[in-house]
PDB file of N, CA and C in Angstrom:
ATOM      1  N   UNK A   1       9.817   5.896  13.695  1.00  0.00           N
ATOM      2  CA  UNK A   1       8.386   5.679  13.405  1.00  0.00           C
ATOM      3  C   UNK A   1       8.339   6.696  12.230  1.00  0.00           C
ATOM      4  N   UNK A   2       8.024   6.476  11.382  1.00  0.00           N
ATOM      5  CA  UNK A   2       7.209   7.486  10.546  1.00  0.00           C
ATOM      6  C   UNK A   2       5.727   8.031  10.368  1.00  0.00           C
ATOM      7  N   UNK A   3       5.565   9.550  10.545  1.00  0.00           N
ATOM      8  CA  UNK A   3       4.253   9.939  10.470  1.00  0.00           C
ATOM      9  C   UNK A   3       4.115  10.681   9.234  1.00  0.00           C
ATOM     10  N   UNK A   4       3.061  10.625   8.441  1.00  0.00           N
ATOM     11  CA  UNK A   4       2.619  11.013   7.556  1.00  0.00           C
ATOM     12  C   UNK A   4       2.027  12.682   7.723  1.00  0.00           C
ATOM     13  N   UNK A   5       2.446  13.307   6.756  1.00  0.00           N
ATOM     14  CA  UNK A   5       1.944  15.052   7.128  1.00  0.00           C
ATOM     15  C   UNK A   5       0.551  15.128   6.843  1.00  0.00           C
ATOM     16  N   UNK A   6      -0.003  15.293   7.782  1.00  0.00           N
ATOM     17  CA  UNK A   6      -1.736  15.607   7.740  1.00  0.00           C
ATOM     18  C   UNK A   6      -2.241  14.309   7.883  1.00  0.00           C
ATOM     19  N   UNK A   7      -1.708  13.610   8.540  1.00  0.00           N
ATOM     20  CA  UNK A   7      -2.214  12.152   8.880  1.00  0.00           C
ATOM     21  C   UNK A   7      -2.549  11.729  10.251  1.00  0.00           C
ATOM     22  N   UNK A   8      -3.284  11.153  10.754  1.00  0.00           N
ATOM     23  CA  UNK A   8      -3.566  10.788  11.938  1.00  0.00           C
ATOM     24  C   UNK A   8      -2.391   9.428  12.436  1.00  0.00           C
ATOM     25  N   UNK A   9      -2.391   8.434  11.449  1.00  0.00           N
ATOM     26  CA  UNK A   9      -2.025   7.073  11.039  1.00  0.00           C
ATOM     27  C   UNK A   9      -0.400   7.260  11.164  1.00  0.00           C
ATOM     28  N   UNK A  10       0.440   6.590  12.048  1.00  0.00           N
ATOM     29  CA  UNK A  10       1.748   6.535  11.796  1.00  0.00           C
ATOM     30  C   UNK A  10       2.281   5.100  11.254  1.00  0.00           C
ATOM     31  N   UNK A  11       3.081   4.754  10.795  1.00  0.00           N
ATOM     32  CA  UNK A  11       3.630   3.791  10.299  1.00  0.00           C
ATOM     33  C   UNK A  11       5.414   3.447  11.197  1.00  0.00           C
ATOM     34  N   UNK A  12       5.393   2.402  11.670  1.00  0.00           N
ATOM     35  CA  UNK A  12       6.538   1.736  12.320  1.00  0.00           C
ATOM     36  C   UNK A  12       7.262   0.864  11.397  1.00  0.00           C
ATOM     37  N   UNK A  13       8.691   1.576  11.352  1.00  0.00           N
ATOM     38  CA  UNK A  13       9.250   0.497  10.057  1.00  0.00           C
ATOM     39  C   UNK A  13      10.872   0.003  11.151  1.00  0.00           C
ATOM     40  N   UNK A  14      10.668  -1.535  11.211  1.00  0.00           N
ATOM     41  CA  UNK A  14      11.419  -2.160  12.133  1.00  0.00           C
ATOM     42  C   UNK A  14      12.483  -2.367  11.109  1.00  0.00           C
ATOM     43  N   UNK A  15      13.692  -3.258  11.855  1.00  0.00           N
ATOM     44  CA  UNK A  15      15.003  -3.489  11.221  1.00  0.00           C
ATOM     45  C   UNK A  15      14.773  -4.211   9.658  1.00  0.00           C
ATOM     46  N   UNK A  16      13.849  -4.959   9.807  1.00  0.00           N
ATOM     47  CA  UNK A  16      13.655  -5.594   8.561  1.00  0.00           C
ATOM     48  C   UNK A  16      12.510  -4.634   7.838  1.00  0.00           C
ATOM     49  N   UNK A  17      12.943  -3.661   6.637  1.00  0.00           N
ATOM     50  CA  UNK A  17      12.305  -2.946   6.261  1.00  0.00           C
ATOM     51  C   UNK A  17      11.337  -3.341   5.242  1.00  0.00           C
ATOM     52  N   UNK A  18      10.944  -4.756   5.273  1.00  0.00           N
ATOM     53  CA  UNK A  18       9.842  -5.121   4.412  1.00  0.00           C
ATOM     54  C   UNK A  18       8.392  -5.363   5.058  1.00  0.00           C
ATOM     55  N   UNK A  19       8.538  -5.218   6.367  1.00  0.00           N
ATOM     56  CA  UNK A  19       7.551  -4.960   6.899  1.00  0.00           C
ATOM     57  C   UNK A  19       7.153  -3.706   8.053  1.00  0.00           C
ATOM     58  N   UNK A  20       5.992  -3.455   8.151  1.00  0.00           N
ATOM     59  CA  UNK A  20       5.753  -2.250   9.066  1.00  0.00           C
ATOM     60  C   UNK A  20       4.607  -2.272   9.540  1.00  0.00           C
ATOM     61  N   UNK A  21       4.364  -1.639  10.838  1.00  0.00           N
ATOM     62  CA  UNK A  21       3.234  -1.888  11.932  1.00  0.00           C
ATOM     63  C   UNK A  21       2.340  -0.534  11.998  1.00  0.00           C
ATOM     64  N   UNK A  22       1.171  -0.893  11.199  1.00  0.00           N
ATOM     65  CA  UNK A  22       0.169   0.524  11.046  1.00  0.00           C
ATOM     66  C   UNK A  22      -0.007   0.818  12.655  1.00  0.00           C
ATOM     67  N   UNK A  23      -0.433   2.198  12.913  1.00  0.00           N
ATOM     68  CA  UNK A  23      -0.784   2.396  14.243  1.00  0.00           C
ATOM     69  C   UNK A  23      -1.967   1.654  14.996  1.00  0.00           C
ATOM     70  N   UNK A  24      -2.692   1.166  14.105  1.00  0.00           N
ATOM     71  CA  UNK A  24      -3.885   0.293  14.436  1.00  0.00           C
ATOM     72  C   UNK A  24      -3.355  -1.261  14.904  1.00  0.00           C
ATOM     73  N   UNK A  25      -2.111  -1.374  14.771  1.00  0.00           N
ATOM     74  CA  UNK A  25      -1.393  -2.661  15.453  1.00  0.00           C
ATOM     75  C   UNK A  25      -1.125  -3.803  14.221  1.00  0.00           C
ATOM     76  N   UNK A  26      -1.481  -3.560  13.139  1.00  0.00           N
ATOM     77  CA  UNK A  26      -1.745  -4.762  12.546  1.00  0.00           C
ATOM     78  C   UNK A  26      -0.214  -4.703  11.725  1.00  0.00           C
ATOM     79  N   UNK A  27       0.120  -5.913  11.129  1.00  0.00           N
ATOM     80  CA  UNK A  27       1.467  -5.864  10.596  1.00  0.00           C
ATOM     81  C   UNK A  27       1.509  -6.107   9.269  1.00  0.00           C
ATOM     82  N   UNK A  28       1.859  -5.381   8.279  1.00  0.00           N
ATOM     83  CA  UNK A  28       1.804  -5.447   6.665  1.00  0.00           C
ATOM     84  C   UNK A  28       3.171  -5.175   6.000  1.00  0.00           C
ATOM     85  N   UNK A  29       3.142  -6.012   4.917  1.00  0.00           N
ATOM     86  CA  UNK A  29       4.341  -5.950   4.399  1.00  0.00           C
ATOM     87  C   UNK A  29       4.545  -4.951   3.302  1.00  0.00           C
ATOM     88  N   UNK A  30       5.839  -4.290   3.661  1.00  0.00           N
ATOM     89  CA  UNK A  30       6.021  -3.010   2.415  1.00  0.00           C
ATOM     90  C   UNK A  30       6.360  -3.202   0.875  1.00  0.00           C
ATOM     91  N   UNK A  31       5.703  -2.870   0.093  1.00  0.00           N
ATOM     92  CA  UNK A  31       6.180  -3.053  -1.391  1.00  0.00           C
ATOM     93  C   UNK A  31       6.275  -1.996  -1.925  1.00  0.00           C
ATOM     94  N   UNK A  32       7.305  -2.288  -3.019  1.00  0.00           N
ATOM     95  CA  UNK A  32       8.065  -1.199  -3.799  1.00  0.00           C
ATOM     96  C   UNK A  32       7.407  -1.127  -5.166  1.00  0.00           C
ATOM     97  N   UNK A  33       7.811  -0.297  -6.020  1.00  0.00           N
ATOM     98  CA  UNK A  33       7.383  -0.204  -7.505  1.00  0.00           C
ATOM     99  C   UNK A  33       7.965  -1.667  -8.068  1.00  0.00           C
ATOM    100  N   UNK A  34       7.253  -2.259  -8.816  1.00  0.00           N
ATOM    101  CA  UNK A  34       7.611  -3.695  -9.600  1.00  0.00           C
ATOM    102  C   UNK A  34       7.422  -4.830  -8.958  1.00  0.00           C
ATOM    103  N   UNK A  35       7.154  -4.729  -7.407  1.00  0.00           N
ATOM    104  CA  UNK A  35       6.708  -5.992  -6.796  1.00  0.00           C
ATOM    105  C   UNK A  35       5.345  -6.321  -7.297  1.00  0.00           C
ATOM    106  N   UNK A  36       5.090  -7.603  -7.003  1.00  0.00           N
ATOM    107  CA  UNK A  36       3.245  -8.105  -7.556  1.00  0.00           C
ATOM    108  C   UNK A  36       2.315  -7.785  -6.508  1.00  0.00           C
ATOM    109  N   UNK A  37       1.638  -7.046  -6.839  1.00  0.00           N
ATOM    110  CA  UNK A  37       0.197  -6.774  -5.684  1.00  0.00           C
ATOM    111  C   UNK A  37      -0.413  -8.327  -5.414  1.00  0.00           C
ATOM    112  N   UNK A  38       0.089  -8.566  -3.920  1.00  0.00           N
ATOM    113  CA  UNK A  38      -0.212  -9.641  -3.479  1.00  0.00           C
ATOM    114  C   UNK A  38      -1.668 -10.079  -3.290  1.00  0.00           C
ATOM    115  N   UNK A  39      -2.287  -8.847  -3.105  1.00  0.00           N
ATOM    116  CA  UNK A  39      -3.991  -9.171  -2.735  1.00  0.00           C
ATOM    117  C   UNK A  39      -4.539  -7.370  -3.252  1.00  0.00           C
ATOM    118  N   UNK A  40      -5.830  -7.651  -4.084  1.00  0.00           N
ATOM    119  CA  UNK A  40      -6.897  -6.655  -4.101  1.00  0.00           C
ATOM    120  C   UNK A  40      -7.242  -5.801  -3.195  1.00  0.00           C
ATOM    121  N   UNK A  41      -6.865  -4.724  -3.192  1.00  0.00           N
ATOM    122  CA  UNK A  41      -7.548  -3.914  -1.480  1.00  0.00           C
ATOM    123  C   UNK A  41      -7.208  -2.433  -2.029  1.00  0.00           C
ATOM    124  N   UNK A  42      -7.051  -1.815  -0.511  1.00  0.00           N
ATOM    125  CA  UNK A  42      -6.612  -0.540  -0.621  1.00  0.00           C
ATOM    126  C   UNK A  42      -5.389  -0.567  -0.030  1.00  0.00           C
ATOM    127  N   UNK A  43      -4.272   0.074  -0.728  1.00  0.00           N
ATOM    128  CA  UNK A  43      -3.051   0.523  -0.176  1.00  0.00           C
ATOM    129  C   UNK A  43      -2.648   2.029   0.151  1.00  0.00           C
ATOM    130  N   UNK A  44      -1.861   2.190   1.155  1.00  0.00           N
ATOM    131  CA  UNK A  44      -1.541   3.551   1.824  1.00  0.00           C
ATOM    132  C   UNK A  44      -0.227   3.761   0.728  1.00  0.00           C
ATOM    133  N   UNK A  45       0.112   4.691   0.395  1.00  0.00           N
ATOM    134  CA  UNK A  45       1.111   4.846  -0.461  1.00  0.00           C
ATOM    135  C   UNK A  45       2.096   6.150   0.159  1.00  0.00           C
ATOM    136  N   UNK A  46       3.188   5.822   0.707  1.00  0.00           N
ATOM    137  CA  UNK A  46       4.315   7.154   1.124  1.00  0.00           C
ATOM    138  C   UNK A  46       5.174   7.473  -0.258  1.00  0.00           C
ATOM    139  N   UNK A  47       5.527   8.563  -0.328  1.00  0.00           N
ATOM    140  CA  UNK A  47       6.348   8.861  -1.067  1.00  0.00           C
ATOM    141  C   UNK A  47       7.622   9.674  -0.469  1.00  0.00           C
ATOM    142  N   UNK A  48       8.082  10.724  -0.960  1.00  0.00           N
ATOM    143  CA  UNK A  48       9.307  11.177  -0.729  1.00  0.00           C
ATOM    144  C   UNK A  48       8.484  12.533   0.109  1.00  0.00           C
ATOM    145  N   UNK A  49       8.720  12.827   1.429  1.00  0.00           N
ATOM    146  CA  UNK A  49       7.609  13.829   2.054  1.00  0.00           C
ATOM    147  C   UNK A  49       7.975  15.100   1.241  1.00  0.00           C
ATOM    148  N   UNK A  50       8.952  15.444   0.733  1.00  0.00           N
ATOM    149  CA  UNK A  50       9.230  16.799   0.214  1.00  0.00           C
ATOM    150  C   UNK A  50       8.086  16.959  -1.165  1.00  0.00           C
ATOM    151  N   UNK A  51       7.783  15.518  -1.802  1.00  0.00           N
ATOM    152  CA  UNK A  51       7.201  16.008  -2.985  1.00  0.00           C
ATOM    153  C   UNK A  51       5.631  15.270  -2.760  1.00  0.00           C
ATOM    154  N   UNK A  52       5.209  14.355  -1.946  1.00  0.00           N
ATOM    155  CA  UNK A  52       3.897  14.096  -1.814  1.00  0.00           C
ATOM    156  C   UNK A  52       3.283  13.653  -0.351  1.00  0.00           C
ATOM    157  N   UNK A  53       2.415  14.128  -0.049  1.00  0.00           N
ATOM    158  CA  UNK A  53       1.683  13.643   1.240  1.00  0.00           C
ATOM    159  C   UNK A  53       1.445  11.870   0.958  1.00  0.00           C
ATOM    160  N   UNK A  54       1.459  11.327   1.935  1.00  0.00           N
ATOM    161  CA  UNK A  54       0.790   9.776   2.069  1.00  0.00           C
ATOM    162  C   UNK A  54      -0.631   9.869   1.493  1.00  0.00           C
ATOM    163  N   UNK A  55      -0.883   8.926   0.874  1.00  0.00           N
ATOM    164  CA  UNK A  55      -2.677   8.778   0.178  1.00  0.00           C
ATOM    165  C   UNK A  55      -2.973   7.358   0.208  1.00  0.00           C
ATOM    166  N   UNK A  56      -4.215   7.054  -0.286  1.00  0.00           N
ATOM    167  CA  UNK A  56      -4.490   5.752  -0.511  1.00  0.00           C
ATOM    168  C   UNK A  56      -4.934   5.558  -1.997  1.00  0.00           C
ATOM    169  N   UNK A  57      -4.936   4.287  -2.326  1.00  0.00           N
ATOM    170  CA  UNK A  57      -5.021   3.671  -3.793  1.00  0.00           C
ATOM    171  C   UNK A  57      -5.430   2.530  -3.889  1.00  0.00           C
ATOM    172  N   UNK A  58      -6.064   2.183  -4.823  1.00  0.00           N
ATOM    173  CA  UNK A  58      -6.560   0.612  -5.011  1.00  0.00           C
ATOM    174  C   UNK A  58      -5.497   0.080  -6.121  1.00  0.00           C
ATOM    175  N   UNK A  59      -5.341  -1.032  -5.576  1.00  0.00           N
ATOM    176  CA  UNK A  59      -4.442  -1.964  -6.287  1.00  0.00           C
ATOM    177  C   UNK A  59      -5.097  -3.187  -6.676  1.00  0.00           C
ATOM    178  N   UNK A  60      -5.158  -3.731  -7.585  1.00  0.00           N
ATOM    179  CA  UNK A  60      -5.531  -5.155  -8.149  1.00  0.00           C
ATOM    180  C   UNK A  60      -4.592  -6.447  -7.900  1.00  0.00           C
ATOM    181  N   UNK A  61      -4.761  -7.775  -7.347  1.00  0.00           N
ATOM    182  CA  UNK A  61      -3.971  -8.524  -7.333  1.00  0.00           C
ATOM    183  C   UNK A  61      -3.375  -9.193  -8.705  1.00  0.00           C
ATOM    184  N   UNK A  62      -2.063  -9.337  -8.647  1.00  0.00           N
ATOM    185  CA  UNK A  62      -1.510  -9.792  -9.732  1.00  0.00           C
ATOM    186  C   UNK A  62      -0.540  -8.676 -10.888  1.00  0.00           C
ATOM    187  N   UNK A  63      -0.931  -7.841 -10.610  1.00  0.00           N
ATOM    188  CA  UNK A  63      -0.432  -6.433 -11.268  1.00  0.00           C
ATOM    189  C   UNK A  63       0.607  -6.134 -10.766  1.00  0.00           C
ATOM    190  N   UNK A  64       1.500  -5.238 -10.996  1.00  0.00           N
ATOM    191  CA  UNK A  64       2.805  -4.629 -10.616  1.00  0.00           C
ATOM    192  C   UNK A  64       2.401  -3.294 -10.130  1.00  0.00           C
ATOM    193  N   UNK A  65       3.240  -3.322  -8.702  1.00  0.00           N
ATOM    194  CA  UNK A  65       2.825  -1.940  -8.112  1.00  0.00           C
ATOM    195  C   UNK A  65       3.543  -0.987  -8.902  1.00  0.00           C
ATOM    196  N   UNK A  66       3.130   0.370  -9.491  1.00  0.00           N
ATOM    197  CA  UNK A  66       3.736   1.303 -10.469  1.00  0.00           C
ATOM    198  C   UNK A  66       4.676   2.124  -9.771  1.00  0.00           C
ATOM    199  N   UNK A  67       5.589   2.752 -10.505  1.00  0.00           N
ATOM    200  CA  UNK A  67       6.566   3.706 -10.090  1.00  0.00           C
ATOM    201  C   UNK A  67       5.913   4.845 -10.116  1.00  0.00           C
ATOM    202  N   UNK A  68       6.547   5.945  -9.293  1.00  0.00           N
ATOM    203  CA  UNK A  68       6.133   7.476  -9.330  1.00  0.00           C
ATOM    204  C   UNK A  68       6.994   8.222 -10.339  1.00  0.00           C
ATOM    205  N   UNK A  69       5.999   9.018 -10.959  1.00  0.00           N
ATOM    206  CA  UNK A  69       6.688   9.850 -11.828  1.00  0.00           C
ATOM    207  C   UNK A  69       7.681  11.106 -11.525  1.00  0.00           C
ATOM    208  N   UNK A  70       7.332  11.028 -10.355  1.00  0.00           N
ATOM    209  CA  UNK A  70       7.983  12.443  -9.265  1.00  0.00           C
ATOM    210  C   UNK A  70       8.891  11.798  -8.432  1.00  0.00           C
ATOM    211  N   UNK A  71       9.294  10.924  -7.974  1.00  0.00           N
ATOM    212  CA  UNK A  71      10.194  10.558  -6.934  1.00  0.00           C
ATOM    213  C   UNK A  71      10.418   8.911  -7.136  1.00  0.00           C
ATOM    214  N   UNK A  72      11.460   8.366  -6.278  1.00  0.00           N
ATOM    215  CA  UNK A  72      11.842   7.108  -6.362  1.00  0.00           C
ATOM    216  C   UNK A  72      11.657   6.507  -5.273  1.00  0.00           C
ATOM    217  N   UNK A  73      10.661   6.795  -4.075  1.00  0.00           N
ATOM    218  CA  UNK A  73      10.252   6.688  -2.835  1.00  0.00           C
ATOM    219  C   UNK A  73       9.091   5.758  -2.985  1.00  0.00           C
ATOM    220  N   UNK A  74       8.243   5.538  -3.611  1.00  0.00           N
ATOM    221  CA  UNK A  74       6.965   5.049  -3.309  1.00  0.00           C
ATOM    222  C   UNK A  74       6.898   3.792  -2.674  1.00  0.00           C
ATOM    223  N   UNK A  75       6.117   3.583  -1.665  1.00  0.00           N
ATOM    224  CA  UNK A  75       6.488   2.344  -0.857  1.00  0.00           C
ATOM    225  C   UNK A  75       4.665   2.073  -0.723  1.00  0.00           C
ATOM    226  N   UNK A  76       4.125   0.877  -0.554  1.00  0.00           N
ATOM    227  CA  UNK A  76       3.152   0.378  -0.483  1.00  0.00           C
ATOM    228  C   UNK A  76       2.578  -0.408   0.788  1.00  0.00           C
ATOM    229  N   UNK A  77       1.326  -0.204   1.463  1.00  0.00           N
ATOM    230  CA  UNK A  77       1.267  -1.125   2.447  1.00  0.00           C
ATOM    231  C   UNK A  77      -0.247  -0.965   2.303  1.00  0.00           C
ATOM    232  N   UNK A  78      -0.724  -2.261   2.396  1.00  0.00           N
ATOM    233  CA  UNK A  78      -2.161  -2.667   2.503  1.00  0.00           C
ATOM    234  C   UNK A  78      -2.899  -2.623   3.755  1.00  0.00           C
ATOM    235  N   UNK A  79      -4.015  -1.720   3.282  1.00  0.00           N
ATOM    236  CA  UNK A  79      -4.689  -1.157   4.376  1.00  0.00           C
ATOM    237  C   UNK A  79      -5.689  -2.108   4.633  1.00  0.00           C
ATOM    238  N   UNK A  80      -6.398  -2.516   3.914  1.00  0.00           N
ATOM    239  CA  UNK A  80      -7.422  -3.568   3.760  1.00  0.00           C
ATOM    240  C   UNK A  80      -7.878  -4.370   2.420  1.00  0.00           C
ATOM    241  N   UNK A  81      -7.854  -5.448   2.568  1.00  0.00           N
ATOM    242  CA  UNK A  81      -7.937  -6.376   1.166  1.00  0.00           C
ATOM    243  C   UNK A  81      -9.490  -6.316   0.926  1.00  0.00           C
ATOM    244  N   UNK A  82      -9.640  -6.453  -0.237  1.00  0.00           N
ATOM    245  CA  UNK A  82     -10.850  -6.662  -0.879  1.00  0.00           C
ATOM    246  C   UNK A  82     -11.092  -7.608  -2.085  1.00  0.00           C
ATOM    247  N   UNK A  83     -12.242  -7.973  -2.058  1.00  0.00           N
ATOM    248  CA  UNK A  83     -12.284  -8.905  -3.644  1.00  0.00           C
ATOM    249  C   UNK A  83     -12.440  -7.913  -4.997  1.00  0.00           C
ATOM    250  N   UNK A  84     -11.960  -8.325  -5.718  1.00  0.00           N
ATOM    251  CA  UNK A  84     -12.013  -7.478  -7.107  1.00  0.00           C
ATOM    252  C   UNK A  84     -13.372  -7.693  -7.689  1.00  0.00           C
ATOM    253  N   UNK A  85     -14.073  -7.358  -7.884  1.00  0.00           N
ATOM    254  CA  UNK A  85     -15.867  -7.312  -8.321  1.00  0.00           C
ATOM    255  C   UNK A  85     -15.172  -8.585  -9.578  1.00  0.00           C
ATOM    256  N   UNK A  86     -14.659  -8.725 -10.514  1.00  0.00           N
ATOM    257  CA  UNK A  86     -14.606  -9.643 -11.397  1.00  0.00           C
ATOM    258  C   UNK A  86     -14.453 -10.998 -10.710  1.00  0.00           C
ATOM    259  N   UNK A  87     -13.888 -11.027  -9.773  1.00  0.00           N
ATOM    260  CA  UNK A  87     -13.689 -12.341  -8.970  1.00  0.00           C
ATOM    261  C   UNK A  87     -14.752 -12.650  -7.972  1.00  0.00           C
ATOM    262  N   UNK A  88     -15.664 -11.951  -7.535  1.00  0.00           N
ATOM    263  CA  UNK A  88     -16.434 -12.077  -6.630  1.00  0.00           C
ATOM    264  C   UNK A  88     -17.710 -13.071  -6.923  1.00  0.00           C
ATOM    265  N   UNK A  89     -18.091 -13.847  -6.270  1.00  0.00           N
ATOM    266  CA  UNK A  89     -18.972 -15.052  -6.467  1.00  0.00           C
ATOM    267  C   UNK A  89     -20.084 -14.690  -7.061  1.00  0.00           C
ATOM    268  N   UNK A  90     -20.715 -13.357  -6.698  1.00  0.00           N
ATOM    269  CA  UNK A  90     -22.068 -12.839  -7.112  1.00  0.00           C
ATOM    270  C   UNK A  90     -21.861 -12.071  -8.508  1.00  0.00           C
ATOM    271  N   UNK A  91     -20.595 -11.954  -8.907  1.00  0.00           N
ATOM    272  CA  UNK A  91     -20.674 -10.730  -9.865  1.00  0.00           C
ATOM    273  C   UNK A  91     -19.592 -11.469 -11.123  1.00  0.00           C
ATOM    274  N   UNK A  92     -19.040 -12.518 -10.989  1.00  0.00           N
ATOM    275  CA  UNK A  92     -18.016 -13.267 -11.895  1.00  0.00           C
ATOM    276  C   UNK A  92     -19.044 -13.781 -13.038  1.00  0.00           C
ATOM    277  N   UNK A  93     -18.373 -13.619 -14.339  1.00  0.00           N
ATOM    278  CA  UNK A  93     -19.080 -14.162 -15.812  1.00  0.00           C
ATOM    279  C   UNK A  93     -18.465 -15.398 -15.861  1.00  0.00           C
ATOM    280  N   UNK A  94     -17.882 -16.209 -15.365  1.00  0.00           N
ATOM    281  CA  UNK A  94     -17.323 -17.696 -15.763  1.00  0.00           C
ATOM    282  C   UNK A  94     -17.908 -18.537 -14.864  1.00  0.00           C
TER     283      UNK A  94
END
């Protein structure tokens, strides 16, 4: 189990390191830099703990998860998916 410093959430990493279980019980795939973002939404990012605390970011489907400038460890886990406004039926322009 990995617990982010200053966070109430914990992440359980199983023998298959591509999936993690968040403390709420949901299973989500673990992504690394260069992987394609599978769904737009908010992702939890973990870094080398000596470098940076875990934090949340917004990623857009179809783009690549970026590398960190200061460590080689960033991993991304979907916290919750959301429609990108450009693709939402009430806002799209096509």
